Amino acid sequence: MLALLLLLLLLLLLLLLLLLLLLLLLLLLLLLLLLLLLLLLLLLLLLLLLAGRAIGSALFPAASSRLLRLFRSGRPSGSVAQLC
């Protein structure tokens, strides 16, 4: 009778350990999903920045070419008023 109770307790402990392992695996999967979501958000931000730069240079070509010349010349002493 005592051996049966010990066996039952051992099985219960194994089941608890299995549940804990499953919970840990679920937490790891959730963390991986969160990391993937963060990566997608960063990719979307990069895409928006690139699209904003392309739209800005298409709408204001003179200002963008002046900005490009200013940054390529290595003289960032020009003010924003001179660019406009």
N, C-alpha and C. Protein backbone atom coordinates (compact mmCIF):
# COMPACT_ATOMS: atom_id res chain seq x y z
N MET A 1 0.82 -1.20 0.00
CA MET A 1 0.00 0.00 0.00
C MET A 1 0.86 1.26 0.00
N LEU A 2 1.93 1.24 0.81
CA LEU A 2 2.82 2.39 0.88
C LEU A 2 3.56 2.59 -0.44
N ALA A 3 3.93 1.48 -1.08
CA ALA A 3 4.62 1.56 -2.37
C ALA A 3 3.70 2.15 -3.43
N LEU A 4 2.43 1.81 -3.36
CA LEU A 4 1.47 2.36 -4.31
C LEU A 4 1.30 3.86 -4.12
N LEU A 5 1.26 4.30 -2.87
CA LEU A 5 1.16 5.73 -2.60
C LEU A 5 2.41 6.48 -3.06
N LEU A 6 3.57 5.89 -2.84
CA LEU A 6 4.82 6.52 -3.31
C LEU A 6 4.87 6.58 -4.83
N LEU A 7 4.39 5.53 -5.48
CA LEU A 7 4.34 5.52 -6.94
C LEU A 7 3.38 6.59 -7.45
N LEU A 8 2.25 6.73 -6.79
CA LEU A 8 1.28 7.75 -7.17
C LEU A 8 1.85 9.16 -6.97
N LEU A 9 2.58 9.35 -5.87
CA LEU A 9 3.22 10.63 -5.60
C LEU A 9 4.29 10.93 -6.64
N LEU A 10 5.03 9.92 -7.03
CA LEU A 10 6.06 10.09 -8.06
C LEU A 10 5.42 10.45 -9.40
N LEU A 11 4.33 9.80 -9.74
CA LEU A 11 3.63 10.12 -10.98
C LEU A 11 3.07 11.54 -10.95
N LEU A 12 2.58 11.95 -9.79
CA LEU A 12 2.07 13.30 -9.65
C LEU A 12 3.18 14.33 -9.80
N LEU A 13 4.34 14.03 -9.22
CA LEU A 13 5.49 14.93 -9.38
C LEU A 13 5.95 15.00 -10.82
N LEU A 14 5.95 13.88 -11.51
CA LEU A 14 6.32 13.87 -12.92
C LEU A 14 5.34 14.68 -13.76
N LEU A 15 4.06 14.57 -13.43
CA LEU A 15 3.05 15.35 -14.14
C LEU A 15 3.22 16.84 -13.89
N LEU A 16 3.54 17.20 -12.66
CA LEU A 16 3.79 18.59 -12.33
C LEU A 16 5.02 19.12 -13.05
N LEU A 17 6.05 18.30 -13.12
CA LEU A 17 7.26 18.69 -13.85
C LEU A 17 6.97 18.85 -15.34
N LEU A 18 6.16 17.98 -15.88
CA LEU A 18 5.78 18.08 -17.29
C LEU A 18 4.97 19.35 -17.55
N LEU A 19 4.07 19.67 -16.64
CA LEU A 19 3.30 20.90 -16.78
C LEU A 19 4.19 22.13 -16.68
N LEU A 20 5.15 22.10 -15.79
CA LEU A 20 6.09 23.21 -15.66
C LEU A 20 6.93 23.36 -16.92
N LEU A 21 7.35 22.25 -17.49
CA LEU A 21 8.12 22.29 -18.73
C LEU A 21 7.27 22.83 -19.88
N LEU A 22 6.01 22.44 -19.92
CA LEU A 22 5.11 22.95 -20.95
C LEU A 22 4.88 24.45 -20.79
N LEU A 23 4.76 24.91 -19.57
CA LEU A 23 4.60 26.33 -19.31
C LEU A 23 5.84 27.11 -19.72
N LEU A 24 6.99 26.55 -19.44
CA LEU A 24 8.24 27.19 -19.85
C LEU A 24 8.36 27.25 -21.36
N LEU A 25 7.96 26.20 -22.03
CA LEU A 25 7.98 26.18 -23.49
C LEU A 25 7.01 27.20 -24.06
N LEU A 26 5.86 27.34 -23.46
CA LEU A 26 4.88 28.33 -23.89
C LEU A 26 5.40 29.74 -23.69
N LEU A 27 6.08 29.97 -22.58
CA LEU A 27 6.68 31.28 -22.31
C LEU A 27 7.78 31.59 -23.31
N LEU A 28 8.56 30.60 -23.66
CA LEU A 28 9.61 30.79 -24.66
C LEU A 28 9.02 31.09 -26.02
N LEU A 29 7.93 30.43 -26.36
CA LEU A 29 7.26 30.69 -27.62
C LEU A 29 6.68 32.10 -27.65
N LEU A 30 6.13 32.54 -26.54
CA LEU A 30 5.60 33.89 -26.45
C LEU A 30 6.70 34.93 -26.58
N LEU A 31 7.84 34.66 -25.98
CA LEU A 31 8.98 35.57 -26.10
C LEU A 31 9.49 35.63 -27.53
N LEU A 32 9.52 34.50 -28.20
CA LEU A 32 9.93 34.46 -29.60
C LEU A 32 8.95 35.23 -30.48
N LEU A 33 7.67 35.09 -30.20
CA LEU A 33 6.65 35.83 -30.94
C LEU A 33 6.78 37.33 -30.71
N LEU A 34 7.07 37.73 -29.49
CA LEU A 34 7.27 39.14 -29.18
C LEU A 34 8.50 39.69 -29.89
N LEU A 35 9.55 38.89 -29.95
CA LEU A 35 10.75 39.31 -30.67
C LEU A 35 10.49 39.45 -32.16
N LEU A 36 9.71 38.54 -32.71
CA LEU A 36 9.34 38.63 -34.12
C LEU A 36 8.49 39.86 -34.39
N LEU A 37 7.59 40.17 -33.48
CA LEU A 37 6.76 41.37 -33.63
C LEU A 37 7.61 42.63 -33.56
N LEU A 38 8.58 42.65 -32.67
CA LEU A 38 9.48 43.79 -32.58
C LEU A 38 10.31 43.95 -33.85
N LEU A 39 10.75 42.85 -34.40
CA LEU A 39 11.50 42.89 -35.65
C LEU A 39 10.64 43.41 -36.80
N LEU A 40 9.39 42.98 -36.84
CA LEU A 40 8.48 43.47 -37.87
C LEU A 40 8.20 44.96 -37.71
N LEU A 41 8.07 45.42 -36.47
CA LEU A 41 7.85 46.84 -36.24
C LEU A 41 9.07 47.67 -36.65
N LEU A 42 10.25 47.16 -36.38
CA LEU A 42 11.46 47.87 -36.82
C LEU A 42 11.57 47.90 -38.33
N LEU A 43 11.19 46.82 -38.97
CA LEU A 43 11.19 46.78 -40.43
C LEU A 43 10.18 47.76 -41.01
N LEU A 44 9.02 47.85 -40.39
CA LEU A 44 8.01 48.80 -40.83
C LEU A 44 8.48 50.23 -40.63
N LEU A 45 9.16 50.50 -39.53
CA LEU A 45 9.70 51.83 -39.28
C LEU A 45 10.75 52.20 -40.32
N LEU A 46 11.60 51.26 -40.66
CA LEU A 46 12.61 51.50 -41.69
C LEU A 46 11.96 51.76 -43.04
N LEU A 47 10.93 50.99 -43.34
CA LEU A 47 10.21 51.19 -44.60
C LEU A 47 9.53 52.55 -44.64
N LEU A 48 8.94 52.96 -43.51
CA LEU A 48 8.32 54.28 -43.45
C LEU A 48 9.34 55.40 -43.58
N LEU A 49 10.51 55.21 -42.99
CA LEU A 49 11.55 56.23 -43.12
C LEU A 49 12.03 56.34 -44.56
N LEU A 50 12.22 55.21 -45.21
CA LEU A 50 12.66 55.24 -46.60
C LEU A 50 11.59 55.84 -47.51
N ALA A 51 10.32 55.48 -47.25
CA ALA A 51 9.24 56.04 -48.06
C ALA A 51 9.09 57.53 -47.80
N GLY A 52 9.25 57.96 -46.56
CA GLY A 52 9.17 59.39 -46.25
C GLY A 52 10.28 60.16 -46.92
N ARG A 53 11.45 59.58 -46.97
CA ARG A 53 12.56 60.27 -47.64
C ARG A 53 12.30 60.36 -49.15
N ALA A 54 11.77 59.28 -49.72
CA ALA A 54 11.48 59.30 -51.16
C ALA A 54 10.36 60.28 -51.48
N ILE A 55 9.32 60.31 -50.65
CA ILE A 55 8.22 61.25 -50.89
C ILE A 55 8.69 62.68 -50.69
N GLY A 56 9.50 62.90 -49.65
CA GLY A 56 10.01 64.25 -49.40
C GLY A 56 10.89 64.75 -50.52
N SER A 57 11.73 63.90 -51.06
CA SER A 57 12.59 64.35 -52.16
C SER A 57 11.79 64.50 -53.46
N ALA A 58 10.67 63.78 -53.58
CA ALA A 58 9.84 63.96 -54.78
C ALA A 58 9.02 65.25 -54.68
N LEU A 59 8.55 65.57 -53.49
CA LEU A 59 7.74 66.78 -53.33
C LEU A 59 8.59 68.05 -53.31
N PHE A 60 9.75 67.97 -52.69
CA PHE A 60 10.62 69.15 -52.58
C PHE A 60 11.99 68.83 -53.15
N PRO A 61 12.12 68.76 -54.47
CA PRO A 61 13.41 68.35 -55.05
C PRO A 61 14.51 69.37 -54.84
N ALA A 62 14.16 70.67 -54.85
CA ALA A 62 15.20 71.69 -54.69
C ALA A 62 15.77 71.66 -53.28
N ALA A 63 14.91 71.55 -52.30
CA ALA A 63 15.39 71.52 -50.91
C ALA A 63 16.19 70.26 -50.65
N SER A 64 15.76 69.15 -51.23
CA SER A 64 16.49 67.91 -50.95
C SER A 64 17.86 67.92 -51.64
N SER A 65 17.95 68.52 -52.82
CA SER A 65 19.26 68.57 -53.48
C SER A 65 20.19 69.54 -52.75
N ARG A 66 19.63 70.62 -52.20
CA ARG A 66 20.46 71.54 -51.41
C ARG A 66 20.93 70.87 -50.12
N LEU A 67 20.04 70.12 -49.51
CA LEU A 67 20.43 69.39 -48.30
C LEU A 67 21.51 68.36 -48.62
N LEU A 68 21.36 67.69 -49.74
CA LEU A 68 22.34 66.69 -50.14
C LEU A 68 23.69 67.34 -50.40
N ARG A 69 23.68 68.48 -51.09
CA ARG A 69 24.94 69.19 -51.34
C ARG A 69 25.58 69.66 -50.05
N LEU A 70 24.76 70.12 -49.12
CA LEU A 70 25.29 70.61 -47.85
C LEU A 70 25.95 69.49 -47.06
N PHE A 71 25.31 68.33 -47.03
CA PHE A 71 25.89 67.22 -46.27
C PHE A 71 27.08 66.60 -46.98
N ARG A 72 27.10 66.65 -48.29
CA ARG A 72 28.24 66.08 -49.01
C ARG A 72 29.46 66.99 -48.94
N SER A 73 29.22 68.30 -48.81
CA SER A 73 30.35 69.22 -48.77
C SER A 73 31.09 69.15 -47.44
N GLY A 74 30.42 68.61 -46.44
CA GLY A 74 31.07 68.49 -45.14
C GLY A 74 31.04 69.77 -44.33
N ARG A 75 30.25 70.73 -44.76
CA ARG A 75 30.13 71.98 -44.02
C ARG A 75 28.72 72.09 -43.45
N PRO A 76 28.48 71.59 -42.27
CA PRO A 76 27.14 71.69 -41.70
C PRO A 76 26.89 73.03 -41.02
N SER A 77 27.58 74.09 -41.50
CA SER A 77 27.42 75.39 -40.86
C SER A 77 26.23 76.16 -41.44
N GLY A 78 25.67 75.71 -42.55
CA GLY A 78 24.53 76.40 -43.13
C GLY A 78 23.30 76.25 -42.27
N SER A 79 22.51 77.30 -42.21
CA SER A 79 21.31 77.23 -41.37
C SER A 79 20.13 76.74 -42.20
N VAL A 80 19.05 76.46 -41.52
CA VAL A 80 17.85 76.00 -42.20
C VAL A 80 17.26 77.12 -43.04
N ALA A 81 17.42 78.35 -42.60
CA ALA A 81 16.89 79.49 -43.36
C ALA A 81 17.59 79.63 -44.71
N GLN A 82 18.88 79.30 -44.76
CA GLN A 82 19.60 79.37 -46.03
C GLN A 82 19.14 78.27 -46.99
N LEU A 83 18.71 77.15 -46.44
CA LEU A 83 18.26 76.06 -47.29
C LEU A 83 16.92 76.38 -47.93
N CYS A 84 16.06 77.06 -47.21
CA CYS A 84 14.74 77.38 -47.75
C CYS A 84 14.85 78.66 -48.51
